[in-house]
N, C-alpha and C. Protein backbone atom coordinates (compact mmCIF):
# COMPACT_ATOMS: atom_id res chain seq x y z
N MET A 1 0.77 -1.08 0.02
CA MET A 1 -0.01 0.04 0.07
C MET A 1 0.81 1.21 0.00
N GLY A 2 0.74 2.06 -1.01
CA GLY A 2 1.58 3.30 -1.06
C GLY A 2 0.86 4.32 -0.24
N LEU A 3 1.71 5.36 0.09
CA LEU A 3 1.22 6.51 0.85
C LEU A 3 0.16 7.19 0.12
N PRO A 4 -0.87 7.71 0.79
CA PRO A 4 -1.89 8.56 -0.01
C PRO A 4 -1.32 9.96 -0.21
N THR A 5 -1.86 10.62 -0.97
CA THR A 5 -1.39 11.99 -1.34
C THR A 5 -1.86 13.06 -0.41
N THR A 6 -2.67 12.73 0.63
CA THR A 6 -3.20 13.59 1.56
C THR A 6 -2.00 14.18 2.40
N ARG A 7 -2.16 15.51 2.54
CA ARG A 7 -1.08 16.12 3.39
C ARG A 7 -1.46 16.13 4.90
N LEU A 8 -0.64 15.85 5.71
CA LEU A 8 -0.81 15.86 7.08
C LEU A 8 0.03 17.01 7.73
N GLY A 9 -0.62 17.85 8.53
CA GLY A 9 0.11 18.77 9.23
C GLY A 9 0.28 18.31 10.70
N LEU A 10 1.38 17.68 10.95
CA LEU A 10 1.67 17.21 12.27
C LEU A 10 2.38 18.14 13.30
N ARG A 11 2.67 19.31 12.91
CA ARG A 11 3.36 20.23 13.65
C ARG A 11 2.82 20.40 15.03
N ALA A 12 1.50 20.50 15.23
CA ALA A 12 0.96 20.71 16.50
C ALA A 12 0.58 19.45 17.33
N VAL A 13 0.95 18.25 16.64
CA VAL A 13 0.69 17.06 17.38
C VAL A 13 1.72 16.73 18.47
N GLU A 14 1.29 16.30 19.69
CA GLU A 14 2.21 16.08 20.75
C GLU A 14 2.04 14.60 21.02
N PRO A 15 3.04 13.72 20.68
CA PRO A 15 2.86 12.32 21.08
C PRO A 15 3.63 12.04 22.35
N LEU A 16 3.16 10.98 23.09
CA LEU A 16 3.82 10.33 24.10
C LEU A 16 4.45 9.13 23.47
N ILE A 17 5.83 8.97 23.72
CA ILE A 17 6.63 7.83 23.25
C ILE A 17 7.13 7.13 24.45
N VAL A 18 6.80 5.87 24.53
CA VAL A 18 7.16 5.01 25.75
C VAL A 18 8.02 3.81 25.22
N ASP A 19 9.22 3.79 25.54
CA ASP A 19 10.04 2.63 25.31
C ASP A 19 11.37 2.61 26.27
N ASP A 20 11.57 1.42 26.73
CA ASP A 20 12.77 1.21 27.64
C ASP A 20 14.08 1.31 27.02
N SER A 21 14.16 1.18 25.59
CA SER A 21 15.38 1.22 24.95
C SER A 21 15.61 2.71 24.48
N ALA A 22 16.71 3.28 24.90
CA ALA A 22 17.11 4.56 24.69
C ALA A 22 17.27 4.77 23.07
N GLN A 23 17.77 3.81 22.31
CA GLN A 23 17.94 3.83 20.85
C GLN A 23 16.53 3.88 20.20
N SER A 24 15.59 2.99 20.61
CA SER A 24 14.30 2.97 20.06
C SER A 24 13.51 4.26 20.34
N LEU A 25 13.72 4.74 21.57
CA LEU A 25 13.11 5.97 21.98
C LEU A 25 13.53 7.14 21.00
N GLU A 26 14.76 7.19 20.79
CA GLU A 26 15.29 8.30 19.98
C GLU A 26 15.00 8.17 18.43
N MET A 27 14.90 6.92 18.01
CA MET A 27 14.58 6.56 16.69
C MET A 27 13.06 7.02 16.46
N MET A 28 12.15 6.73 17.31
CA MET A 28 10.74 6.97 17.23
C MET A 28 10.59 8.48 17.25
N SER A 29 11.39 9.14 18.09
CA SER A 29 11.35 10.59 18.13
C SER A 29 11.71 11.30 16.94
N ALA A 30 12.83 10.68 16.26
CA ALA A 30 13.35 11.26 14.98
C ALA A 30 12.35 11.05 13.88
N LEU A 31 11.60 9.86 13.94
CA LEU A 31 10.62 9.69 12.86
C LEU A 31 9.50 10.61 12.97
N MET A 32 9.07 10.92 14.18
CA MET A 32 8.03 11.88 14.39
C MET A 32 8.49 13.25 13.95
N MET A 33 9.73 13.63 14.26
CA MET A 33 10.22 14.99 13.86
C MET A 33 10.27 14.94 12.32
N GLY A 34 10.62 13.88 11.74
CA GLY A 34 10.57 13.78 10.20
C GLY A 34 9.25 13.99 9.64
N PHE A 35 8.17 13.78 10.40
CA PHE A 35 6.80 14.07 9.94
C PHE A 35 6.36 15.37 10.44
N GLY A 36 7.18 16.13 10.88
CA GLY A 36 6.92 17.61 11.24
C GLY A 36 6.46 17.85 12.69
N VAL A 37 6.51 16.77 13.44
CA VAL A 37 6.21 16.96 14.98
C VAL A 37 7.36 17.84 15.51
N THR A 38 7.08 18.75 16.29
CA THR A 38 8.01 19.69 16.92
C THR A 38 8.25 19.41 18.41
N ARG A 39 7.26 18.72 18.98
CA ARG A 39 7.40 18.46 20.48
C ARG A 39 6.92 16.98 20.81
N SER A 40 7.78 16.20 21.51
CA SER A 40 7.51 14.87 21.76
C SER A 40 7.80 14.69 23.41
N THR A 41 6.96 13.98 24.07
CA THR A 41 7.33 13.51 25.47
C THR A 41 7.80 12.14 25.44
N LYS A 42 8.94 11.88 25.86
CA LYS A 42 9.58 10.53 25.72
C LYS A 42 9.88 10.07 27.23
N VAL A 43 9.48 8.83 27.47
CA VAL A 43 9.65 8.27 28.74
C VAL A 43 10.09 6.72 28.47
N HIS A 44 10.75 6.17 29.52
CA HIS A 44 11.34 4.79 29.52
C HIS A 44 10.46 3.75 30.11
N THR A 45 9.62 4.08 31.16
CA THR A 45 8.90 3.07 31.97
C THR A 45 7.40 3.36 31.81
N ALA A 46 6.55 2.24 32.24
CA ALA A 46 5.23 2.41 32.40
C ALA A 46 4.85 3.49 33.50
N ALA A 47 5.63 3.44 34.52
CA ALA A 47 5.45 4.42 35.66
C ALA A 47 5.55 5.80 35.18
N GLU A 48 6.67 6.06 34.49
CA GLU A 48 6.85 7.35 33.89
C GLU A 48 5.76 7.78 32.99
N ALA A 49 5.25 6.81 32.19
CA ALA A 49 4.11 7.10 31.16
C ALA A 49 2.88 7.46 32.04
N LYS A 50 2.62 6.78 33.06
CA LYS A 50 1.48 7.12 33.86
C LYS A 50 1.47 8.46 34.35
N THR A 51 2.67 8.90 34.97
CA THR A 51 2.85 10.20 35.48
C THR A 51 2.61 11.21 34.38
N ALA A 52 3.27 10.98 33.21
CA ALA A 52 3.17 11.97 32.19
C ALA A 52 1.67 12.17 31.66
N MET A 53 0.94 10.96 31.63
CA MET A 53 -0.44 10.96 31.28
C MET A 53 -1.47 11.65 32.22
N MET A 54 -1.03 11.54 33.51
CA MET A 54 -1.77 12.44 34.47
C MET A 54 -1.64 13.93 34.28
N ARG A 55 -0.45 14.30 33.84
CA ARG A 55 -0.10 15.69 33.71
C ARG A 55 -0.60 16.34 32.37
N SER A 56 -0.66 15.58 31.35
CA SER A 56 -0.83 16.18 29.95
C SER A 56 -1.78 15.28 29.11
N THR A 57 -2.37 15.83 28.17
CA THR A 57 -3.22 15.25 27.15
C THR A 57 -2.30 15.11 25.88
N PHE A 58 -2.26 13.84 25.45
CA PHE A 58 -1.42 13.58 24.29
C PHE A 58 -2.32 13.26 23.04
N ASP A 59 -1.80 13.71 21.90
CA ASP A 59 -2.65 13.48 20.62
C ASP A 59 -2.48 11.94 20.13
N VAL A 60 -1.49 11.28 20.44
CA VAL A 60 -1.26 9.93 20.14
C VAL A 60 -0.30 9.39 21.15
N ILE A 61 -0.34 8.08 21.45
CA ILE A 61 0.59 7.41 22.35
C ILE A 61 1.20 6.20 21.60
N LEU A 62 2.52 6.19 21.53
CA LEU A 62 3.33 5.16 20.80
C LEU A 62 4.14 4.45 21.95
N MET A 63 3.72 3.21 22.18
CA MET A 63 4.37 2.48 23.22
C MET A 63 4.95 1.11 22.82
N ASP A 64 5.97 0.76 23.50
CA ASP A 64 6.61 -0.55 23.26
C ASP A 64 5.70 -1.68 24.03
N SER A 65 5.57 -2.82 23.56
CA SER A 65 4.78 -3.73 24.16
C SER A 65 5.45 -4.43 25.39
N GLU A 66 6.73 -4.23 25.50
CA GLU A 66 7.55 -4.96 26.55
C GLU A 66 8.21 -3.88 27.30
N LEU A 67 7.66 -3.51 28.41
CA LEU A 67 8.28 -2.45 29.36
C LEU A 67 8.68 -3.04 30.73
N PRO A 68 9.64 -2.57 31.34
CA PRO A 68 10.06 -3.06 32.60
C PRO A 68 9.01 -2.70 33.65
N GLY A 69 8.72 -3.69 34.46
CA GLY A 69 7.65 -3.52 35.54
C GLY A 69 6.14 -3.69 35.07
N GLN A 70 5.87 -3.44 33.84
CA GLN A 70 4.44 -3.70 33.28
C GLN A 70 4.62 -3.68 31.89
N ASP A 71 3.91 -4.59 31.38
CA ASP A 71 3.83 -4.78 29.79
C ASP A 71 2.98 -3.75 29.19
N GLY A 72 3.13 -3.54 27.89
CA GLY A 72 2.32 -2.54 27.19
C GLY A 72 0.95 -2.77 27.18
N LEU A 73 0.57 -4.04 27.13
CA LEU A 73 -0.94 -4.38 27.08
C LEU A 73 -1.70 -3.93 28.40
N SER A 74 -0.88 -4.10 29.58
CA SER A 74 -1.37 -3.68 30.82
C SER A 74 -1.50 -2.18 30.85
N LEU A 75 -0.56 -1.42 30.39
CA LEU A 75 -0.52 -0.02 30.29
C LEU A 75 -1.68 0.47 29.33
N VAL A 76 -2.01 -0.25 28.26
CA VAL A 76 -3.23 0.11 27.43
C VAL A 76 -4.46 0.00 28.19
N ARG A 77 -4.58 -1.15 28.98
CA ARG A 77 -5.70 -1.30 29.82
C ARG A 77 -5.88 -0.20 30.86
N HIS A 78 -4.71 0.18 31.41
CA HIS A 78 -4.79 1.21 32.44
C HIS A 78 -5.26 2.59 31.85
N VAL A 79 -4.78 2.93 30.66
CA VAL A 79 -5.22 4.10 30.07
C VAL A 79 -6.70 4.11 29.80
N ARG A 80 -7.13 2.97 29.14
CA ARG A 80 -8.58 2.71 28.84
C ARG A 80 -9.37 2.64 30.00
N GLY A 81 -8.85 2.25 31.16
CA GLY A 81 -9.72 1.96 32.35
C GLY A 81 -9.87 3.28 33.11
N ASP A 82 -9.25 4.33 32.86
CA ASP A 82 -9.20 5.54 33.60
C ASP A 82 -10.15 6.47 32.80
N ARG A 83 -11.54 6.32 33.04
CA ARG A 83 -12.45 7.12 32.16
C ARG A 83 -12.26 8.61 32.46
N GLU A 84 -11.85 9.07 33.54
CA GLU A 84 -11.66 10.44 33.85
C GLU A 84 -10.26 10.95 33.45
N GLY A 85 -9.47 10.09 32.98
CA GLY A 85 -8.05 10.44 32.63
C GLY A 85 -8.12 11.34 31.26
N PRO A 86 -7.13 12.23 31.13
CA PRO A 86 -7.11 13.00 29.93
C PRO A 86 -6.73 12.32 28.70
N ASN A 87 -6.25 11.15 28.85
CA ASN A 87 -5.80 10.32 27.64
C ASN A 87 -6.74 9.07 27.36
N PHE A 88 -7.81 8.99 28.05
CA PHE A 88 -8.77 7.85 28.01
C PHE A 88 -9.07 7.43 26.51
N SER A 89 -9.29 8.36 25.66
CA SER A 89 -9.63 8.00 24.30
C SER A 89 -8.52 8.29 23.31
N ALA A 90 -7.37 8.72 23.80
CA ALA A 90 -6.30 9.03 22.88
C ALA A 90 -5.97 7.77 22.01
N PRO A 91 -5.58 7.89 20.77
CA PRO A 91 -5.08 6.79 19.92
C PRO A 91 -3.80 6.21 20.57
N ILE A 92 -3.83 4.81 20.66
CA ILE A 92 -2.60 4.13 21.14
C ILE A 92 -2.14 3.21 20.04
N ILE A 93 -0.87 3.33 19.79
CA ILE A 93 -0.19 2.45 18.79
C ILE A 93 0.90 1.63 19.56
N LEU A 94 0.71 0.40 19.56
CA LEU A 94 1.59 -0.50 20.33
C LEU A 94 2.74 -0.97 19.38
N LEU A 95 4.02 -0.86 19.88
CA LEU A 95 5.06 -1.23 18.97
C LEU A 95 5.61 -2.64 19.55
N SER A 96 5.80 -3.67 18.69
CA SER A 96 6.18 -4.88 19.20
C SER A 96 7.05 -5.65 18.18
N VAL A 97 7.94 -6.46 18.81
CA VAL A 97 8.74 -7.43 17.87
C VAL A 97 7.85 -8.73 17.52
N ASP A 98 6.92 -8.91 18.39
CA ASP A 98 6.02 -10.04 18.31
C ASP A 98 4.75 -9.66 17.67
N THR A 99 4.45 -9.76 16.38
CA THR A 99 3.17 -9.44 15.84
C THR A 99 2.42 -10.60 15.36
N ALA A 100 2.53 -11.74 16.04
CA ALA A 100 1.71 -12.87 15.81
C ALA A 100 0.31 -12.54 16.06
N ARG A 101 -0.67 -13.22 15.35
CA ARG A 101 -2.00 -12.96 15.45
C ARG A 101 -2.59 -12.87 16.83
N PRO A 102 -2.18 -13.85 17.71
CA PRO A 102 -2.73 -13.81 19.06
C PRO A 102 -2.38 -12.63 19.89
N LYS A 103 -1.19 -12.15 19.64
CA LYS A 103 -0.70 -10.81 20.37
C LYS A 103 -1.41 -9.56 19.89
N VAL A 104 -1.59 -9.50 18.51
CA VAL A 104 -2.26 -8.47 17.87
C VAL A 104 -3.68 -8.41 18.50
N GLU A 105 -4.28 -9.66 18.57
CA GLU A 105 -5.70 -9.66 18.99
C GLU A 105 -5.88 -9.26 20.45
N ARG A 106 -4.84 -9.59 21.32
CA ARG A 106 -4.85 -9.23 22.60
C ARG A 106 -4.69 -7.74 22.66
N ALA A 107 -3.77 -7.15 21.89
CA ALA A 107 -3.66 -5.61 21.88
C ALA A 107 -4.87 -5.00 21.53
N ARG A 108 -5.60 -5.48 20.51
CA ARG A 108 -6.88 -4.95 20.06
C ARG A 108 -7.91 -4.99 21.12
N ASP A 109 -8.04 -6.14 21.79
CA ASP A 109 -8.93 -6.31 22.81
C ASP A 109 -8.57 -5.54 24.08
N ALA A 110 -7.44 -5.11 24.26
CA ALA A 110 -6.97 -4.21 25.38
C ALA A 110 -7.39 -2.70 25.09
N GLY A 111 -7.65 -2.46 23.75
CA GLY A 111 -7.94 -1.11 23.50
C GLY A 111 -6.93 -0.32 22.52
N ALA A 112 -6.00 -1.05 22.13
CA ALA A 112 -5.07 -0.33 21.22
C ALA A 112 -5.62 -0.11 19.77
N ASN A 113 -5.22 1.04 19.15
CA ASN A 113 -5.64 1.29 17.93
C ASN A 113 -5.01 0.39 16.76
N PHE A 114 -3.72 0.21 16.96
CA PHE A 114 -2.86 -0.46 16.15
C PHE A 114 -1.77 -1.14 16.76
N VAL A 115 -1.17 -2.23 16.09
CA VAL A 115 0.13 -2.86 16.50
C VAL A 115 1.06 -2.73 15.41
N ILE A 116 2.16 -2.13 15.47
CA ILE A 116 3.22 -1.93 14.48
C ILE A 116 4.44 -2.81 14.80
N ALA A 117 4.94 -3.58 13.85
CA ALA A 117 6.13 -4.33 14.02
C ALA A 117 7.34 -3.49 14.22
N LYS A 118 8.21 -4.02 15.17
CA LYS A 118 9.53 -3.38 15.28
C LYS A 118 10.52 -4.22 14.58
N PRO A 119 11.46 -3.74 13.90
CA PRO A 119 11.73 -2.25 13.81
C PRO A 119 10.70 -1.47 12.98
N VAL A 120 10.41 -0.36 13.34
CA VAL A 120 9.22 0.51 12.82
C VAL A 120 9.66 1.04 11.46
N SER A 121 8.85 0.84 10.47
CA SER A 121 9.00 1.41 9.25
C SER A 121 8.34 2.79 9.21
N ALA A 122 8.97 3.81 8.75
CA ALA A 122 8.48 5.16 8.54
C ALA A 122 7.13 5.20 7.84
N THR A 123 7.15 4.47 6.81
CA THR A 123 6.06 4.40 5.83
C THR A 123 4.85 3.84 6.52
N VAL A 124 4.92 2.72 7.26
CA VAL A 124 3.93 2.13 8.00
C VAL A 124 3.35 2.93 9.14
N LEU A 125 4.28 3.62 9.94
CA LEU A 125 3.88 4.58 11.06
C LEU A 125 3.05 5.68 10.45
N LEU A 126 3.46 6.30 9.37
CA LEU A 126 2.79 7.41 8.73
C LEU A 126 1.42 6.91 8.20
N GLU A 127 1.34 5.72 7.64
CA GLU A 127 0.14 5.18 7.12
C GLU A 127 -0.93 5.10 8.36
N ARG A 128 -0.41 4.50 9.52
CA ARG A 128 -1.31 4.24 10.60
C ARG A 128 -1.72 5.66 11.27
N LEU A 129 -0.90 6.60 11.24
CA LEU A 129 -1.33 7.97 11.82
C LEU A 129 -2.29 8.55 10.86
N LEU A 130 -2.15 8.43 9.51
CA LEU A 130 -3.02 8.91 8.58
C LEU A 130 -4.35 8.20 8.75
N TRP A 131 -4.40 6.78 8.86
CA TRP A 131 -5.61 6.11 9.08
C TRP A 131 -6.34 6.63 10.35
N ILE A 132 -5.60 6.82 11.55
CA ILE A 132 -6.32 7.34 12.64
C ILE A 132 -6.81 8.74 12.44
N ALA A 133 -6.20 9.58 11.71
CA ALA A 133 -6.70 10.94 11.55
C ALA A 133 -7.92 10.82 10.66
N GLN A 134 -7.96 10.04 9.79
CA GLN A 134 -9.12 10.01 8.83
C GLN A 134 -10.17 9.02 9.11
N SER A 135 -9.93 8.19 10.09
CA SER A 135 -10.93 7.19 10.52
C SER A 135 -12.21 7.78 11.07
N ARG A 136 -13.14 7.12 10.82
CA ARG A 136 -14.60 7.53 11.36
C ARG A 136 -14.98 6.47 12.52
N ARG A 137 -13.92 5.68 12.92
CA ARG A 137 -14.32 4.65 13.94
C ARG A 137 -14.79 5.31 15.27
N LEU A 138 -15.78 4.80 15.76
CA LEU A 138 -16.25 5.35 17.17
C LEU A 138 -15.38 4.90 18.30
N PHE A 139 -15.38 5.44 19.41
CA PHE A 139 -14.79 5.02 20.54
C PHE A 139 -15.91 4.37 21.36
N VAL A 140 -15.51 3.07 21.73
CA VAL A 140 -16.59 2.24 22.57
C VAL A 140 -16.13 2.31 24.04
N ASP A 141 -17.30 2.63 24.83
CA ASP A 141 -17.03 2.65 26.26
C ASP A 141 -17.97 1.74 26.91
N ALA A 142 -17.74 0.49 26.97
CA ALA A 142 -18.63 -0.53 27.57
C ALA A 142 -17.96 -1.23 28.72
N GLU A 143 -18.72 -1.96 29.44
CA GLU A 143 -18.17 -2.72 30.64
C GLU A 143 -17.09 -3.71 30.17
N SER A 144 -17.20 -4.34 29.07
CA SER A 144 -16.32 -5.44 28.63
C SER A 144 -15.26 -4.93 27.68
N TYR A 145 -15.43 -3.73 27.24
CA TYR A 145 -14.41 -3.15 26.26
C TYR A 145 -14.42 -1.68 26.24
N ARG A 146 -13.22 -1.17 26.19
CA ARG A 146 -12.98 0.37 26.08
C ARG A 146 -11.90 0.48 24.99
N GLY A 147 -12.30 1.21 23.97
CA GLY A 147 -11.21 1.43 23.00
C GLY A 147 -11.89 1.81 21.61
N PRO A 148 -11.09 1.86 20.56
CA PRO A 148 -11.67 2.13 19.27
C PRO A 148 -12.62 0.99 18.71
N ASP A 149 -13.65 1.30 18.11
CA ASP A 149 -14.54 0.30 17.55
C ASP A 149 -13.57 -0.80 16.84
N ARG A 150 -13.81 -1.99 17.17
CA ARG A 150 -12.93 -3.05 16.58
C ARG A 150 -13.34 -3.48 15.18
N ARG A 151 -14.51 -2.98 14.78
CA ARG A 151 -14.99 -3.26 13.39
C ARG A 151 -14.43 -2.17 12.51
N PHE A 152 -13.90 -2.76 11.36
CA PHE A 152 -13.35 -1.87 10.37
C PHE A 152 -14.53 -1.46 9.17
N GLN A 153 -15.53 -2.18 9.35
CA GLN A 153 -16.80 -1.97 8.53
C GLN A 153 -17.93 -1.83 9.31
N THR A 154 -18.85 -0.92 9.09
CA THR A 154 -20.05 -0.78 9.80
C THR A 154 -21.34 -1.29 8.85
N LEU A 155 -21.55 -2.61 8.97
CA LEU A 155 -22.58 -3.09 8.12
C LEU A 155 -23.91 -3.30 8.80
N PRO A 156 -25.03 -3.16 8.27
CA PRO A 156 -26.25 -3.52 9.06
C PRO A 156 -26.36 -4.92 9.33
N ALA A 157 -27.14 -5.23 10.40
CA ALA A 157 -27.32 -6.52 10.87
C ALA A 157 -28.10 -7.30 9.90
N PRO A 158 -27.74 -8.63 9.79
CA PRO A 158 -28.52 -9.57 8.87
C PRO A 158 -30.01 -9.52 9.25
N ASP A 159 -30.78 -9.78 8.19
CA ASP A 159 -32.27 -9.65 8.42
C ASP A 159 -32.70 -10.61 9.53
N GLU A 160 -32.07 -11.81 9.67
CA GLU A 160 -32.40 -12.88 10.64
C GLU A 160 -32.01 -12.53 12.13
N THR A 161 -31.35 -11.37 12.25
CA THR A 161 -30.82 -10.96 13.54
C THR A 161 -31.94 -10.40 14.39
N GLY A 162 -32.07 -10.79 15.68
CA GLY A 162 -33.07 -10.38 16.59
C GLY A 162 -32.78 -8.90 17.09
N GLU A 163 -33.55 -8.44 18.08
CA GLU A 163 -33.34 -7.22 18.67
C GLU A 163 -32.09 -7.05 19.26
N ARG A 164 -31.56 -5.84 19.31
CA ARG A 164 -30.23 -5.48 19.92
C ARG A 164 -30.52 -5.47 21.37
N ARG A 165 -29.45 -5.78 22.17
CA ARG A 165 -29.42 -5.61 23.59
C ARG A 165 -29.58 -4.10 24.02
N GLU A 166 -30.29 -3.87 25.16
CA GLU A 166 -30.43 -2.56 25.61
C GLU A 166 -29.09 -1.89 25.69
N SER A 167 -28.07 -2.56 26.29
CA SER A 167 -26.81 -2.01 26.51
C SER A 167 -26.17 -1.45 25.18
N ASP A 168 -26.47 -2.19 24.03
CA ASP A 168 -25.94 -1.65 22.74
C ASP A 168 -26.62 -0.47 22.38
N LEU A 169 -27.90 -0.31 22.66
CA LEU A 169 -28.72 0.86 22.25
C LEU A 169 -28.27 2.15 23.10
N ARG A 170 -27.82 1.80 24.37
CA ARG A 170 -27.34 2.90 25.21
C ARG A 170 -25.97 3.40 24.66
N LEU A 171 -25.22 2.49 24.33
CA LEU A 171 -23.76 2.82 23.70
C LEU A 171 -24.06 3.77 22.45
N ALA A 172 -24.86 3.22 21.61
CA ALA A 172 -25.15 3.90 20.33
C ALA A 172 -25.66 5.37 20.49
N ALA A 173 -26.36 5.53 21.58
CA ALA A 173 -27.05 6.73 21.90
C ALA A 173 -26.10 7.79 22.62
N THR A 174 -24.85 7.33 22.77
CA THR A 174 -23.82 8.32 23.56
C THR A 174 -22.62 8.49 22.69
N PRO A 175 -22.77 8.80 21.43
CA PRO A 175 -21.48 9.06 20.71
C PRO A 175 -20.67 10.23 21.01
N GLU A 176 -21.17 11.02 22.01
CA GLU A 176 -20.30 12.26 22.44
C GLU A 176 -18.97 11.79 23.00
N ARG A 177 -18.96 10.50 23.46
CA ARG A 177 -17.53 10.12 24.13
C ARG A 177 -16.60 9.90 22.93
N ALA A 178 -16.95 9.87 21.71
CA ALA A 178 -16.07 9.66 20.63
C ALA A 178 -15.62 11.01 19.97
N MET A 179 -14.56 11.10 19.59
CA MET A 179 -14.08 12.36 18.81
C MET A 179 -14.71 12.45 17.58
N SER A 180 -15.17 13.67 17.15
CA SER A 180 -15.75 13.75 15.77
C SER A 180 -14.68 13.77 14.77
N GLN A 181 -15.01 13.61 13.54
CA GLN A 181 -14.03 13.71 12.50
C GLN A 181 -13.33 15.01 12.40
N GLU A 182 -14.06 16.01 12.70
CA GLU A 182 -13.55 17.43 12.71
C GLU A 182 -12.47 17.56 13.77
N GLU A 183 -12.70 16.99 15.08
CA GLU A 183 -11.74 17.01 16.12
C GLU A 183 -10.51 16.19 15.67
N ILE A 184 -10.72 15.10 15.10
CA ILE A 184 -9.53 14.36 14.70
C ILE A 184 -8.72 14.93 13.66
N ASP A 185 -9.39 15.51 12.66
CA ASP A 185 -8.66 16.38 11.62
C ASP A 185 -7.89 17.50 12.29
N GLY A 186 -8.55 18.06 13.26
CA GLY A 186 -7.84 19.15 13.91
C GLY A 186 -6.54 18.81 14.57
N LEU A 187 -6.33 17.51 14.90
CA LEU A 187 -5.03 17.10 15.53
C LEU A 187 -3.92 17.11 14.58
N PHE A 188 -4.29 17.00 13.38
CA PHE A 188 -3.20 16.91 12.22
C PHE A 188 -3.14 18.15 11.43
N LEU A 189 -3.64 19.31 11.75
CA LEU A 189 -3.49 20.56 11.07
C LEU A 189 -2.48 21.52 11.54
């Protein structure tokens, strides 16, 4: 898949980059700078990430899946579990050397937007950032799951499908928890 011709203005975007490897942290920061990002917050541990996320709102969170003291999936669950936190619905991209299907599914089910294989390709990272910026995926806040809608297509239910559960109807009736496309577009201008 080639890069789209859409221009992204990433100058105002502030990412949180979490990686225990100083080399990986600097590489991710350099990639983001190459995309026009002028300010990044970089931390080495999940504990430092939690502190940073209590103090600031980030436009996107890029985190390694293996962190000392707490793995990336647990940190994703922590972010998604803090409904009052400033980064509750922030896009999360998990970076991992293990991109086997079960790991990707666990990351998705924890609330991550995407998993990108390490070493990170600039093209793939930019494509995922563009996807997040242009996506119309709703943010789901239910007891069993918090994160971006896991469906990539929204199709009507088959004719033989019965009534929807009341909890589904309540979720559909509160789209204000999700960012509008205009708000997402504003992140990249």
